[in-house]
Each structure stands twice: as C-alpha cells, then as structure tokens.
Amino acid sequence: MPAIIHGFKCLTLLDEEGNPKPTYSIAAGLDYPGIGPEHSYLKETGRGEYVTVTGQQALAAFKVLSETEGIIPALESAHAVAYALELARELEQEDIIIVNLSGRGGDKDVQQVFEMEHGPNE
C-alpha cells in the first residue's frame, strides 16, 4: 500500500493502523518495510513484478551458486538466485535467465551463513 516512509512515498508494508510493519530478512539489505520510489513506480505500472522467497530458499541458492559457479553471492542477491532456480523449472531448456548479482559479494555473509547452519560457537 502506498505510504510516506522516511520522507518518501513508496509501496510499504503497513499494519491495520497504517503504521509500517516490523520486517525480518536474513539479508540486512532486504529487511525494510518499503521499496524505493523507482521500484514502486515499476510495480504500479506493471513494468516490474516482485516475488518473495524464504530465507531457507535464499540459503540454498547461496550454496548452489557458490558450489556450482564458485561465486559467493550476497544474501540479497541469493534471494534473486533462489527465484531464478524456481522459475527455471517452468521454462524450456533453451530459455535463458539473467540474474544481476549486486553488491560486493557474499564474502561479508559467509560467517553469518555458517552460524545460521552450525550455530555461533563452532
């Protein structure tokens, strides 16, 4: 629902009282109740489609890309990879999917991923 949050109008997750909802994501860059004005515009005009994946799906995609391509994605980008893996099941073998990996990469997230899977003291 459109709302003004942190000084700009954008699509925002709101509670029943019209306040921003608390959010959680394993990716710090996705842990926010709104999307930027540009993405809001793309969604509202039908030029952009936005989907969700779970933290577990993102972790699995983080591993798949790391193990198969040697690319450690940031957890934010791992969400996009997770959806691409899901989407690929619906496409033909010759279809092409392009996923843009953002940021500096997942080297900053390796410790967090390890601790989510094994606990903080291993």
PDB file of N, CA and C in Angstrom:
ATOM      1  N   MET A   1       0.846  -1.163   0.000  1.00  0.00           N
ATOM      2  CA  MET A   1       0.000   0.000   0.000  1.00  0.00           C
ATOM      3  C   MET A   1       0.901   1.239   0.000  1.00  0.00           C
ATOM      4  N   PRO A   2       0.577   2.242  -0.824  1.00  0.00           N
ATOM      5  CA  PRO A   2       1.395   3.463  -0.831  1.00  0.00           C
ATOM      6  C   PRO A   2       1.336   4.190   0.511  1.00  0.00           C
ATOM      7  N   ALA A   3       2.478   4.678   0.935  1.00  0.00           N
ATOM      8  CA  ALA A   3       2.566   5.453   2.171  1.00  0.00           C
ATOM      9  C   ALA A   3       3.836   6.286   2.119  1.00  0.00           C
ATOM     10  N   ILE A   4       3.927   7.251   2.989  1.00  0.00           N
ATOM     11  CA  ILE A   4       5.163   8.023   3.115  1.00  0.00           C
ATOM     12  C   ILE A   4       5.940   7.431   4.274  1.00  0.00           C
ATOM     13  N   ILE A   5       7.165   6.999   3.966  1.00  0.00           N
ATOM     14  CA  ILE A   5       8.029   6.397   4.985  1.00  0.00           C
ATOM     15  C   ILE A   5       9.422   7.001   4.835  1.00  0.00           C
ATOM     16  N   HIS A   6      10.002   7.422   5.906  1.00  0.00           N
ATOM     17  CA  HIS A   6      11.339   8.021   5.913  1.00  0.00           C
ATOM     18  C   HIS A   6      11.492   9.130   4.875  1.00  0.00           C
ATOM     19  N   GLY A   7      10.406   9.885   4.671  1.00  0.00           N
ATOM     20  CA  GLY A   7      10.477  11.068   3.834  1.00  0.00           C
ATOM     21  C   GLY A   7      10.166  10.869   2.364  1.00  0.00           C
ATOM     22  N   PHE A   8       9.770   9.666   1.950  1.00  0.00           N
ATOM     23  CA  PHE A   8       9.409   9.478   0.548  1.00  0.00           C
ATOM     24  C   PHE A   8       8.210   8.550   0.427  1.00  0.00           C
ATOM     25  N   LYS A   9       7.471   8.747  -0.663  1.00  0.00           N
ATOM     26  CA  LYS A   9       6.282   7.932  -0.910  1.00  0.00           C
ATOM     27  C   LYS A   9       6.706   6.668  -1.658  1.00  0.00           C
ATOM     28  N   CYS A  10       6.247   5.530  -1.134  1.00  0.00           N
ATOM     29  CA  CYS A  10       6.568   4.257  -1.775  1.00  0.00           C
ATOM     30  C   CYS A  10       5.563   3.204  -1.324  1.00  0.00           C
ATOM     31  N   LEU A  11       5.613   2.052  -1.957  1.00  0.00           N
ATOM     32  CA  LEU A  11       4.812   0.926  -1.505  1.00  0.00           C
ATOM     33  C   LEU A  11       5.403   0.433  -0.196  1.00  0.00           C
ATOM     34  N   THR A  12       4.549   0.253   0.790  1.00  0.00           N
ATOM     35  CA  THR A  12       5.010  -0.048   2.143  1.00  0.00           C
ATOM     36  C   THR A  12       4.144  -1.138   2.759  1.00  0.00           C
ATOM     37  N   LEU A  13       4.759  -2.006   3.542  1.00  0.00           N
ATOM     38  CA  LEU A  13       4.007  -2.985   4.328  1.00  0.00           C
ATOM     39  C   LEU A  13       3.468  -2.262   5.551  1.00  0.00           C
ATOM     40  N   LEU A  14       2.141  -2.223   5.656  1.00  0.00           N
ATOM     41  CA  LEU A  14       1.511  -1.497   6.754  1.00  0.00           C
ATOM     42  C   LEU A  14       0.665  -2.427   7.610  1.00  0.00           C
ATOM     43  N   ASP A  15       0.574  -2.085   8.911  1.00  0.00           N
ATOM     44  CA  ASP A  15      -0.328  -2.833   9.786  1.00  0.00           C
ATOM     45  C   ASP A  15      -1.734  -2.257   9.663  1.00  0.00           C
ATOM     46  N   GLU A  16      -2.661  -2.795  10.446  1.00  0.00           N
ATOM     47  CA  GLU A  16      -4.063  -2.371  10.351  1.00  0.00           C
ATOM     48  C   GLU A  16      -4.279  -0.920  10.781  1.00  0.00           C
ATOM     49  N   GLU A  17      -3.313  -0.341  11.475  1.00  0.00           N
ATOM     50  CA  GLU A  17      -3.423   1.058  11.906  1.00  0.00           C
ATOM     51  C   GLU A  17      -2.706   2.021  10.954  1.00  0.00           C
ATOM     52  N   GLY A  18      -2.131   1.472   9.882  1.00  0.00           N
ATOM     53  CA  GLY A  18      -1.434   2.310   8.906  1.00  0.00           C
ATOM     54  C   GLY A  18       0.008   2.598   9.240  1.00  0.00           C
ATOM     55  N   ASN A  19       0.570   1.872  10.206  1.00  0.00           N
ATOM     56  CA  ASN A  19       1.978   2.034  10.574  1.00  0.00           C
ATOM     57  C   ASN A  19       2.823   0.987   9.862  1.00  0.00           C
ATOM     58  N   PRO A  20       4.098   1.308   9.571  1.00  0.00           N
ATOM     59  CA  PRO A  20       4.964   0.301   8.934  1.00  0.00           C
ATOM     60  C   PRO A  20       5.055  -0.964   9.784  1.00  0.00           C
ATOM     61  N   LYS A  21       4.921  -2.111   9.128  1.00  0.00           N
ATOM     62  CA  LYS A  21       5.011  -3.400   9.831  1.00  0.00           C
ATOM     63  C   LYS A  21       6.470  -3.716  10.153  1.00  0.00           C
ATOM     64  N   PRO A  22       6.700  -4.413  11.253  1.00  0.00           N
ATOM     65  CA  PRO A  22       8.051  -4.923  11.507  1.00  0.00           C
ATOM     66  C   PRO A  22       8.404  -5.950  10.425  1.00  0.00           C
ATOM     67  N   THR A  23       9.643  -5.982  10.037  1.00  0.00           N
ATOM     68  CA  THR A  23      10.084  -6.913   8.997  1.00  0.00           C
ATOM     69  C   THR A  23      11.252  -7.739   9.495  1.00  0.00           C
ATOM     70  N   TYR A  24      11.528  -8.826   8.792  1.00  0.00           N
ATOM     71  CA  TYR A  24      12.712  -9.631   9.059  1.00  0.00           C
ATOM     72  C   TYR A  24      13.156 -10.286   7.765  1.00  0.00           C
ATOM     73  N   SER A  25      14.426 -10.222   7.506  1.00  0.00           N
ATOM     74  CA  SER A  25      15.040 -10.946   6.401  1.00  0.00           C
ATOM     75  C   SER A  25      16.434 -11.344   6.851  1.00  0.00           C
ATOM     76  N   ILE A  26      16.909 -12.485   6.369  1.00  0.00           N
ATOM     77  CA  ILE A  26      18.291 -12.869   6.674  1.00  0.00           C
ATOM     78  C   ILE A  26      19.269 -11.951   5.969  1.00  0.00           C
ATOM     79  N   ALA A  27      18.793 -11.217   4.966  1.00  0.00           N
ATOM     80  CA  ALA A  27      19.623 -10.252   4.249  1.00  0.00           C
ATOM     81  C   ALA A  27      19.315  -8.854   4.781  1.00  0.00           C
ATOM     82  N   ALA A  28      20.291  -8.240   5.407  1.00  0.00           N
ATOM     83  CA  ALA A  28      20.070  -6.929   6.027  1.00  0.00           C
ATOM     84  C   ALA A  28      19.517  -5.916   5.026  1.00  0.00           C
ATOM     85  N   GLY A  29      19.959  -5.980   3.786  1.00  0.00           N
ATOM     86  CA  GLY A  29      19.512  -5.034   2.780  1.00  0.00           C
ATOM     87  C   GLY A  29      18.072  -5.214   2.351  1.00  0.00           C
ATOM     88  N   LEU A  30      17.453  -6.325   2.725  1.00  0.00           N
ATOM     89  CA  LEU A  30      16.049  -6.568   2.394  1.00  0.00           C
ATOM     90  C   LEU A  30      15.135  -6.428   3.604  1.00  0.00           C
ATOM     91  N   ASP A  31      15.701  -6.129   4.740  1.00  0.00           N
ATOM     92  CA  ASP A  31      14.946  -6.035   5.995  1.00  0.00           C
ATOM     93  C   ASP A  31      14.404  -4.617   6.149  1.00  0.00           C
ATOM     94  N   TYR A  32      13.382  -4.299   5.355  1.00  0.00           N
ATOM     95  CA  TYR A  32      12.835  -2.946   5.305  1.00  0.00           C
ATOM     96  C   TYR A  32      11.369  -3.037   4.892  1.00  0.00           C
ATOM     97  N   PRO A  33      10.489  -2.228   5.456  1.00  0.00           N
ATOM     98  CA  PRO A  33       9.058  -2.370   5.157  1.00  0.00           C
ATOM     99  C   PRO A  33       8.608  -1.726   3.846  1.00  0.00           C
ATOM    100  N   GLY A  34       9.503  -1.094   3.106  1.00  0.00           N
ATOM    101  CA  GLY A  34       9.101  -0.443   1.864  1.00  0.00           C
ATOM    102  C   GLY A  34      10.062  -0.729   0.732  1.00  0.00           C
ATOM    103  N   ILE A  35       9.653  -0.298  -0.462  1.00  0.00           N
ATOM    104  CA  ILE A  35      10.553  -0.371  -1.615  1.00  0.00           C
ATOM    105  C   ILE A  35      10.746   1.045  -2.135  1.00  0.00           C
ATOM    106  N   GLY A  36      11.830   1.300  -2.808  1.00  0.00           N
ATOM    107  CA  GLY A  36      12.137   2.636  -3.286  1.00  0.00           C
ATOM    108  C   GLY A  36      11.100   3.164  -4.267  1.00  0.00           C
ATOM    109  N   PRO A  37      11.080   4.466  -4.456  1.00  0.00           N
ATOM    110  CA  PRO A  37      10.109   5.071  -5.358  1.00  0.00           C
ATOM    111  C   PRO A  37      10.171   4.527  -6.786  1.00  0.00           C
ATOM    112  N   GLU A  38      11.378   4.243  -7.272  1.00  0.00           N
ATOM    113  CA  GLU A  38      11.501   3.721  -8.634  1.00  0.00           C
ATOM    114  C   GLU A  38      10.857   2.344  -8.747  1.00  0.00           C
ATOM    115  N   HIS A  39      11.128   1.480  -7.783  1.00  0.00           N
ATOM    116  CA  HIS A  39      10.518   0.148  -7.801  1.00  0.00           C
ATOM    117  C   HIS A  39       9.012   0.228  -7.578  1.00  0.00           C
ATOM    118  N   SER A  40       8.588   1.160  -6.742  1.00  0.00           N
ATOM    119  CA  SER A  40       7.148   1.360  -6.549  1.00  0.00           C
ATOM    120  C   SER A  40       6.491   1.716  -7.876  1.00  0.00           C
ATOM    121  N   TYR A  41       7.115   2.615  -8.622  1.00  0.00           N
ATOM    122  CA  TYR A  41       6.590   3.019  -9.927  1.00  0.00           C
ATOM    123  C   TYR A  41       6.536   1.829 -10.886  1.00  0.00           C
ATOM    124  N   LEU A  42       7.606   1.056 -10.944  1.00  0.00           N
ATOM    125  CA  LEU A  42       7.631  -0.105 -11.842  1.00  0.00           C
ATOM    126  C   LEU A  42       6.539  -1.102 -11.487  1.00  0.00           C
ATOM    127  N   LYS A  43       6.333  -1.341 -10.213  1.00  0.00           N
ATOM    128  CA  LYS A  43       5.272  -2.253  -9.772  1.00  0.00           C
ATOM    129  C   LYS A  43       3.899  -1.705 -10.125  1.00  0.00           C
ATOM    130  N   GLU A  44       3.665  -0.431  -9.807  1.00  0.00           N
ATOM    131  CA  GLU A  44       2.358   0.185 -10.048  1.00  0.00           C
ATOM    132  C   GLU A  44       2.012   0.245 -11.532  1.00  0.00           C
ATOM    133  N   THR A  45       3.000   0.398 -12.395  1.00  0.00           N
ATOM    134  CA  THR A  45       2.741   0.492 -13.838  1.00  0.00           C
ATOM    135  C   THR A  45       2.769  -0.865 -14.522  1.00  0.00           C
ATOM    136  N   GLY A  46       3.050  -1.917 -13.765  1.00  0.00           N
ATOM    137  CA  GLY A  46       3.075  -3.259 -14.345  1.00  0.00           C
ATOM    138  C   GLY A  46       4.356  -3.589 -15.086  1.00  0.00           C
ATOM    139  N   ARG A  47       5.347  -2.721 -15.010  1.00  0.00           N
ATOM    140  CA  ARG A  47       6.632  -2.976 -15.677  1.00  0.00           C
ATOM    141  C   ARG A  47       7.576  -3.809 -14.823  1.00  0.00           C
ATOM    142  N   GLY A  48       7.252  -3.978 -13.562  1.00  0.00           N
ATOM    143  CA  GLY A  48       8.063  -4.781 -12.665  1.00  0.00           C
ATOM    144  C   GLY A  48       7.185  -5.768 -11.929  1.00  0.00           C
ATOM    145  N   GLU A  49       7.701  -6.952 -11.715  1.00  0.00           N
ATOM    146  CA  GLU A  49       6.998  -7.975 -10.938  1.00  0.00           C
ATOM    147  C   GLU A  49       7.883  -8.327  -9.749  1.00  0.00           C
ATOM    148  N   TYR A  50       7.282  -8.393  -8.584  1.00  0.00           N
ATOM    149  CA  TYR A  50       8.044  -8.640  -7.374  1.00  0.00           C
ATOM    150  C   TYR A  50       7.517  -9.893  -6.696  1.00  0.00           C
ATOM    151  N   VAL A  51       8.427 -10.753  -6.294  1.00  0.00           N
ATOM    152  CA  VAL A  51       8.075 -12.044  -5.711  1.00  0.00           C
ATOM    153  C   VAL A  51       8.821 -12.208  -4.388  1.00  0.00           C
ATOM    154  N   THR A  52       8.448 -13.208  -3.632  1.00  0.00           N
ATOM    155  CA  THR A  52       9.138 -13.475  -2.378  1.00  0.00           C
ATOM    156  C   THR A  52       9.732 -14.878  -2.403  1.00  0.00           C
ATOM    157  N   VAL A  53      10.793 -15.045  -1.668  1.00  0.00           N
ATOM    158  CA  VAL A  53      11.359 -16.365  -1.385  1.00  0.00           C
ATOM    159  C   VAL A  53      11.690 -16.385   0.100  1.00  0.00           C
ATOM    160  N   THR A  54      11.792 -17.564   0.645  1.00  0.00           N
ATOM    161  CA  THR A  54      12.090 -17.684   2.070  1.00  0.00           C
ATOM    162  C   THR A  54      13.588 -17.563   2.325  1.00  0.00           C
ATOM    163  N   GLY A  55      13.914 -17.345   3.582  1.00  0.00           N
ATOM    164  CA  GLY A  55      15.322 -17.341   3.964  1.00  0.00           C
ATOM    165  C   GLY A  55      15.991 -18.675   3.656  1.00  0.00           C
ATOM    166  N   GLN A  56      15.270 -19.776   3.863  1.00  0.00           N
ATOM    167  CA  GLN A  56      15.833 -21.102   3.570  1.00  0.00           C
ATOM    168  C   GLN A  56      16.106 -21.270   2.082  1.00  0.00           C
ATOM    169  N   GLN A  57      15.204 -20.767   1.233  1.00  0.00           N
ATOM    170  CA  GLN A  57      15.433 -20.833  -0.209  1.00  0.00           C
ATOM    171  C   GLN A  57      16.662 -20.002  -0.592  1.00  0.00           C
ATOM    172  N   ALA A  58      16.816 -18.839   0.020  1.00  0.00           N
ATOM    173  CA  ALA A  58      17.973 -17.986  -0.265  1.00  0.00           C
ATOM    174  C   ALA A  58      19.271 -18.666   0.180  1.00  0.00           C
ATOM    175  N   LEU A  59      19.242 -19.313   1.338  1.00  0.00           N
ATOM    176  CA  LEU A  59      20.441 -20.034   1.804  1.00  0.00           C
ATOM    177  C   LEU A  59      20.799 -21.167   0.857  1.00  0.00           C
ATOM    178  N   ALA A  60      19.791 -21.907   0.389  1.00  0.00           N
ATOM    179  CA  ALA A  60      20.050 -22.999  -0.557  1.00  0.00           C
ATOM    180  C   ALA A  60      20.648 -22.446  -1.851  1.00  0.00           C
ATOM    181  N   ALA A  61      20.129 -21.335  -2.332  1.00  0.00           N
ATOM    182  CA  ALA A  61      20.648 -20.726  -3.554  1.00  0.00           C
ATOM    183  C   ALA A  61      22.064 -20.198  -3.346  1.00  0.00           C
ATOM    184  N   PHE A  62      22.330 -19.655  -2.157  1.00  0.00           N
ATOM    185  CA  PHE A  62      23.677 -19.196  -1.796  1.00  0.00           C
ATOM    186  C   PHE A  62      24.670 -20.346  -1.982  1.00  0.00           C
ATOM    187  N   LYS A  63      24.282 -21.523  -1.494  1.00  0.00           N
ATOM    188  CA  LYS A  63      25.151 -22.706  -1.603  1.00  0.00           C
ATOM    189  C   LYS A  63      25.277 -23.188  -3.038  1.00  0.00           C
ATOM    190  N   VAL A  64      24.149 -23.244  -3.746  1.00  0.00           N
ATOM    191  CA  VAL A  64      24.173 -23.738  -5.130  1.00  0.00           C
ATOM    192  C   VAL A  64      25.109 -22.893  -5.985  1.00  0.00           C
ATOM    193  N   LEU A  65      24.962 -21.574  -5.933  1.00  0.00           N
ATOM    194  CA  LEU A  65      25.805 -20.707  -6.754  1.00  0.00           C
ATOM    195  C   LEU A  65      27.264 -20.795  -6.327  1.00  0.00           C
ATOM    196  N   SER A  66      27.499 -20.859  -5.029  1.00  0.00           N
ATOM    197  CA  SER A  66      28.872 -20.968  -4.524  1.00  0.00           C
ATOM    198  C   SER A  66      29.533 -22.261  -4.980  1.00  0.00           C
ATOM    199  N   GLU A  67      28.787 -23.362  -4.899  1.00  0.00           N
ATOM    200  CA  GLU A  67      29.361 -24.668  -5.235  1.00  0.00           C
ATOM    201  C   GLU A  67      29.460 -24.922  -6.735  1.00  0.00           C
ATOM    202  N   THR A  68      28.475 -24.466  -7.510  1.00  0.00           N
ATOM    203  CA  THR A  68      28.486 -24.783  -8.940  1.00  0.00           C
ATOM    204  C   THR A  68      29.275 -23.784  -9.774  1.00  0.00           C
ATOM    205  N   GLU A  69      29.274 -22.515  -9.380  1.00  0.00           N
ATOM    206  CA  GLU A  69      29.942 -21.480 -10.177  1.00  0.00           C
ATOM    207  C   GLU A  69      31.140 -20.857  -9.474  1.00  0.00           C
ATOM    208  N   GLY A  70      31.315 -21.133  -8.186  1.00  0.00           N
ATOM    209  CA  GLY A  70      32.409 -20.513  -7.445  1.00  0.00           C
ATOM    210  C   GLY A  70      32.160 -19.037  -7.165  1.00  0.00           C
ATOM    211  N   ILE A  71      30.911 -18.620  -7.255  1.00  0.00           N
ATOM    212  CA  ILE A  71      30.538 -17.229  -6.978  1.00  0.00           C
ATOM    213  C   ILE A  71      29.765 -17.206  -5.668  1.00  0.00           C
ATOM    214  N   ILE A  72      30.270 -16.449  -4.709  1.00  0.00           N
ATOM    215  CA  ILE A  72      29.586 -16.335  -3.424  1.00  0.00           C
ATOM    216  C   ILE A  72      28.699 -15.096  -3.498  1.00  0.00           C
ATOM    217  N   PRO A  73      27.370 -15.289  -3.623  1.00  0.00           N
ATOM    218  CA  PRO A  73      26.506 -14.115  -3.740  1.00  0.00           C
ATOM    219  C   PRO A  73      26.232 -13.485  -2.383  1.00  0.00           C
ATOM    220  N   ALA A  74      25.959 -12.197  -2.385  1.00  0.00           N
ATOM    221  CA  ALA A  74      25.440 -11.560  -1.174  1.00  0.00           C
ATOM    222  C   ALA A  74      24.086 -12.194  -0.880  1.00  0.00           C
ATOM    223  N   LEU A  75      23.679 -12.200   0.370  1.00  0.00           N
ATOM    224  CA  LEU A  75      22.383 -12.799   0.720  1.00  0.00           C
ATOM    225  C   LEU A  75      21.223 -12.108  -0.005  1.00  0.00           C
ATOM    226  N   GLU A  76      21.347 -10.807  -0.260  1.00  0.00           N
ATOM    227  CA  GLU A  76      20.308 -10.114  -1.026  1.00  0.00           C
ATOM    228  C   GLU A  76      20.194 -10.730  -2.420  1.00  0.00           C
ATOM    229  N   SER A  77      21.334 -10.903  -3.086  1.00  0.00           N
ATOM    230  CA  SER A  77      21.330 -11.493  -4.425  1.00  0.00           C
ATOM    231  C   SER A  77      20.934 -12.961  -4.400  1.00  0.00           C
ATOM    232  N   ALA A  78      21.226 -13.657  -3.313  1.00  0.00           N
ATOM    233  CA  ALA A  78      20.844 -15.070  -3.206  1.00  0.00           C
ATOM    234  C   ALA A  78      19.329 -15.227  -3.273  1.00  0.00           C
ATOM    235  N   HIS A  79      18.588 -14.221  -2.856  1.00  0.00           N
ATOM    236  CA  HIS A  79      17.126 -14.269  -2.993  1.00  0.00           C
ATOM    237  C   HIS A  79      16.743 -14.300  -4.472  1.00  0.00           C
ATOM    238  N   ALA A  80      17.404 -13.495  -5.290  1.00  0.00           N
ATOM    239  CA  ALA A  80      17.129 -13.480  -6.736  1.00  0.00           C
ATOM    240  C   ALA A  80      17.527 -14.803  -7.370  1.00  0.00           C
ATOM    241  N   VAL A  81      18.656 -15.354  -6.952  1.00  0.00           N
ATOM    242  CA  VAL A  81      19.097 -16.653  -7.475  1.00  0.00           C
ATOM    243  C   VAL A  81      18.081 -17.730  -7.105  1.00  0.00           C
ATOM    244  N   ALA A  82      17.554 -17.678  -5.889  1.00  0.00           N
ATOM    245  CA  ALA A  82      16.551 -18.664  -5.458  1.00  0.00           C
ATOM    246  C   ALA A  82      15.333 -18.620  -6.360  1.00  0.00           C
ATOM    247  N   TYR A  83      14.864 -17.415  -6.678  1.00  0.00           N
ATOM    248  CA  TYR A  83      13.697 -17.324  -7.554  1.00  0.00           C
ATOM    249  C   TYR A  83      14.047 -17.799  -8.966  1.00  0.00           C
ATOM    250  N   ALA A  84      15.233 -17.483  -9.446  1.00  0.00           N
ATOM    251  CA  ALA A  84      15.647 -17.938 -10.779  1.00  0.00           C
ATOM    252  C   ALA A  84      15.668 -19.464 -10.843  1.00  0.00           C
ATOM    253  N   LEU A  85      16.135 -20.108  -9.789  1.00  0.00           N
ATOM    254  CA  LEU A  85      16.138 -21.570  -9.757  1.00  0.00           C
ATOM    255  C   LEU A  85      14.713 -22.119  -9.800  1.00  0.00           C
ATOM    256  N   GLU A  86      13.796 -21.448  -9.106  1.00  0.00           N
ATOM    257  CA  GLU A  86      12.392 -21.854  -9.114  1.00  0.00           C
ATOM    258  C   GLU A  86      11.770 -21.626 -10.500  1.00  0.00           C
ATOM    259  N   LEU A  87      12.032 -20.463 -11.070  1.00  0.00           N
ATOM    260  CA  LEU A  87      11.500 -20.107 -12.383  1.00  0.00           C
ATOM    261  C   LEU A  87      12.018 -21.055 -13.471  1.00  0.00           C
ATOM    262  N   ALA A  88      13.269 -21.461 -13.354  1.00  0.00           N
ATOM    263  CA  ALA A  88      13.876 -22.333 -14.370  1.00  0.00           C
ATOM    264  C   ALA A  88      13.103 -23.633 -14.544  1.00  0.00           C
ATOM    265  N   ARG A  89      12.471 -24.111 -13.498  1.00  0.00           N
ATOM    266  CA  ARG A  89      11.697 -25.355 -13.594  1.00  0.00           C
ATOM    267  C   ARG A  89      10.506 -25.212 -14.541  1.00  0.00           C
ATOM    268  N   GLU A  90      10.031 -23.984 -14.730  1.00  0.00           N
ATOM    269  CA  GLU A  90       8.862 -23.737 -15.574  1.00  0.00           C
ATOM    270  C   GLU A  90       9.229 -23.431 -17.026  1.00  0.00           C
ATOM    271  N   LEU A  91      10.508 -23.213 -17.309  1.00  0.00           N
ATOM    272  CA  LEU A  91      10.938 -22.795 -18.637  1.00  0.00           C
ATOM    273  C   LEU A  91      11.466 -23.962 -19.454  1.00  0.00           C
ATOM    274  N   GLU A  92      11.653 -23.710 -20.732  1.00  0.00           N
ATOM    275  CA  GLU A  92      12.254 -24.699 -21.629  1.00  0.00           C
ATOM    276  C   GLU A  92      13.765 -24.689 -21.438  1.00  0.00           C
ATOM    277  N   GLN A  93      14.402 -25.797 -21.776  1.00  0.00           N
ATOM    278  CA  GLN A  93      15.856 -25.938 -21.598  1.00  0.00           C
ATOM    279  C   GLN A  93      16.641 -24.836 -22.309  1.00  0.00           C
ATOM    280  N   GLU A  94      16.172 -24.395 -23.482  1.00  0.00           N
ATOM    281  CA  GLU A  94      16.913 -23.395 -24.253  1.00  0.00           C
ATOM    282  C   GLU A  94      16.638 -21.958 -23.797  1.00  0.00           C
ATOM    283  N   ASP A  95      15.696 -21.755 -22.877  1.00  0.00           N
ATOM    284  CA  ASP A  95      15.421 -20.414 -22.369  1.00  0.00           C
ATOM    285  C   ASP A  95      16.596 -19.929 -21.519  1.00  0.00           C
ATOM    286  N   ILE A  96      16.757 -18.625 -21.487  1.00  0.00           N
ATOM    287  CA  ILE A  96      17.871 -18.003 -20.767  1.00  0.00           C
ATOM    288  C   ILE A  96      17.322 -17.112 -19.660  1.00  0.00           C
ATOM    289  N   ILE A  97      17.914 -17.220 -18.485  1.00  0.00           N
ATOM    290  CA  ILE A  97      17.587 -16.351 -17.354  1.00  0.00           C
ATOM    291  C   ILE A  97      18.852 -15.572 -17.007  1.00  0.00           C
ATOM    292  N   ILE A  98      18.708 -14.282 -16.815  1.00  0.00           N
ATOM    293  CA  ILE A  98      19.829 -13.449 -16.384  1.00  0.00           C
ATOM    294  C   ILE A  98      19.524 -12.949 -14.977  1.00  0.00           C
ATOM    295  N   VAL A  99      20.459 -13.168 -14.061  1.00  0.00           N
ATOM    296  CA  VAL A  99      20.322 -12.663 -12.697  1.00  0.00           C
ATOM    297  C   VAL A  99      21.481 -11.710 -12.455  1.00  0.00           C
ATOM    298  N   ASN A 100      21.159 -10.483 -12.105  1.00  0.00           N
ATOM    299  CA  ASN A 100      22.178  -9.490 -11.796  1.00  0.00           C
ATOM    300  C   ASN A 100      22.543  -9.616 -10.325  1.00  0.00           C
ATOM    301  N   LEU A 101      23.796  -9.938 -10.050  1.00  0.00           N
ATOM    302  CA  LEU A 101      24.263 -10.015  -8.660  1.00  0.00           C
ATOM    303  C   LEU A 101      24.747  -8.635  -8.249  1.00  0.00           C
ATOM    304  N   SER A 102      24.224  -8.151  -7.152  1.00  0.00           N
ATOM    305  CA  SER A 102      24.540  -6.800  -6.708  1.00  0.00           C
ATOM    306  C   SER A 102      25.539  -6.817  -5.557  1.00  0.00           C
ATOM    307  N   GLY A 103      26.079  -5.656  -5.310  1.00  0.00           N
ATOM    308  CA  GLY A 103      26.955  -5.505  -4.155  1.00  0.00           C
ATOM    309  C   GLY A 103      28.336  -6.078  -4.379  1.00  0.00           C
ATOM    310  N   ARG A 104      29.064  -6.182  -3.310  1.00  0.00           N
ATOM    311  CA  ARG A 104      30.452  -6.647  -3.400  1.00  0.00           C
ATOM    312  C   ARG A 104      30.567  -8.154  -3.304  1.00  0.00           C
ATOM    313  N   GLY A 105      29.468  -8.828  -3.054  1.00  0.00           N
ATOM    314  CA  GLY A 105      29.500 -10.280  -2.973  1.00  0.00           C
ATOM    315  C   GLY A 105      29.244 -10.770  -1.564  1.00  0.00           C
ATOM    316  N   GLY A 106      29.201 -12.088  -1.459  1.00  0.00           N
ATOM    317  CA  GLY A 106      28.799 -12.710  -0.215  1.00  0.00           C
ATOM    318  C   GLY A 106      29.914 -12.995   0.758  1.00  0.00           C
ATOM    319  N   ASP A 107      31.153 -12.564   0.441  1.00  0.00           N
ATOM    320  CA  ASP A 107      32.221 -12.821   1.397  1.00  0.00           C
ATOM    321  C   ASP A 107      31.887 -12.218   2.756  1.00  0.00           C
ATOM    322  N   LYS A 108      31.135 -11.118   2.767  1.00  0.00           N
ATOM    323  CA  LYS A 108      30.727 -10.493   4.024  1.00  0.00           C
ATOM    324  C   LYS A 108      29.668 -11.308   4.758  1.00  0.00           C
ATOM    325  N   ASP A 109      28.997 -12.232   4.039  1.00  0.00           N
ATOM    326  CA  ASP A 109      27.908 -13.012   4.612  1.00  0.00           C
ATOM    327  C   ASP A 109      28.297 -14.442   4.996  1.00  0.00           C
ATOM    328  N   VAL A 110      29.498 -14.873   4.658  1.00  0.00           N
ATOM    329  CA  VAL A 110      29.906 -16.263   4.877  1.00  0.00           C
ATOM    330  C   VAL A 110      29.811 -16.652   6.348  1.00  0.00           C
ATOM    331  N   GLN A 111      30.289 -15.803   7.236  1.00  0.00           N
ATOM    332  CA  GLN A 111      30.239 -16.110   8.671  1.00  0.00           C
ATOM    333  C   GLN A 111      28.799 -16.226   9.144  1.00  0.00           C
ATOM    334  N   GLN A 112      27.943 -15.316   8.705  1.00  0.00           N
ATOM    335  CA  GLN A 112      26.533 -15.352   9.088  1.00  0.00           C
ATOM    336  C   GLN A 112      25.872 -16.640   8.593  1.00  0.00           C
ATOM    337  N   VAL A 113      26.143 -17.028   7.363  1.00  0.00           N
ATOM    338  CA  VAL A 113      25.565 -18.262   6.804  1.00  0.00           C
ATOM    339  C   VAL A 113      26.051 -19.464   7.610  1.00  0.00           C
ATOM    340  N   PHE A 114      27.334 -19.500   7.924  1.00  0.00           N
ATOM    341  CA  PHE A 114      27.888 -20.601   8.710  1.00  0.00           C
ATOM    342  C   PHE A 114      27.189 -20.693  10.070  1.00  0.00           C
ATOM    343  N   GLU A 115      27.039 -19.553  10.738  1.00  0.00           N
ATOM    344  CA  GLU A 115      26.411 -19.551  12.067  1.00  0.00           C
ATOM    345  C   GLU A 115      24.933 -19.922  12.010  1.00  0.00           C
ATOM    346  N   MET A 116      24.235 -19.575  10.929  1.00  0.00           N
ATOM    347  CA  MET A 116      22.831 -19.953  10.802  1.00  0.00           C
ATOM    348  C   MET A 116      22.697 -21.464  10.651  1.00  0.00           C
ATOM    349  N   GLU A 117      23.699 -22.084  10.061  1.00  0.00           N
ATOM    350  CA  GLU A 117      23.615 -23.531   9.832  1.00  0.00           C
ATOM    351  C   GLU A 117      24.231 -24.353  10.946  1.00  0.00           C
ATOM    352  N   HIS A 118      25.246 -23.813  11.609  1.00  0.00           N
ATOM    353  CA  HIS A 118      26.002 -24.619  12.580  1.00  0.00           C
ATOM    354  C   HIS A 118      25.988 -24.062  13.989  1.00  0.00           C
ATOM    355  N   GLY A 119      25.463 -22.866  14.179  1.00  0.00           N
ATOM    356  CA  GLY A 119      25.496 -22.239  15.486  1.00  0.00           C
ATOM    357  C   GLY A 119      26.696 -21.326  15.601  1.00  0.00           C
ATOM    358  N   PRO A 120      26.672 -20.358  16.488  1.00  0.00           N
ATOM    359  CA  PRO A 120      27.718 -19.344  16.584  1.00  0.00           C
ATOM    360  C   PRO A 120      29.019 -19.807  17.211  1.00  0.00           C
ATOM    361  N   ASN A 121      29.042 -20.967  17.866  1.00  0.00           N
ATOM    362  CA  ASN A 121      30.251 -21.350  18.596  1.00  0.00           C
ATOM    363  C   ASN A 121      31.057 -22.454  17.971  1.00  0.00           C
ATOM    364  N   GLU A 122      30.754 -22.795  16.741  1.00  0.00           N
ATOM    365  CA  GLU A 122      31.531 -23.904  16.127  1.00  0.00           C
ATOM    366  C   GLU A 122      32.732 -23.375  15.396  1.00  0.00           C
TER     367      GLU A 122
END
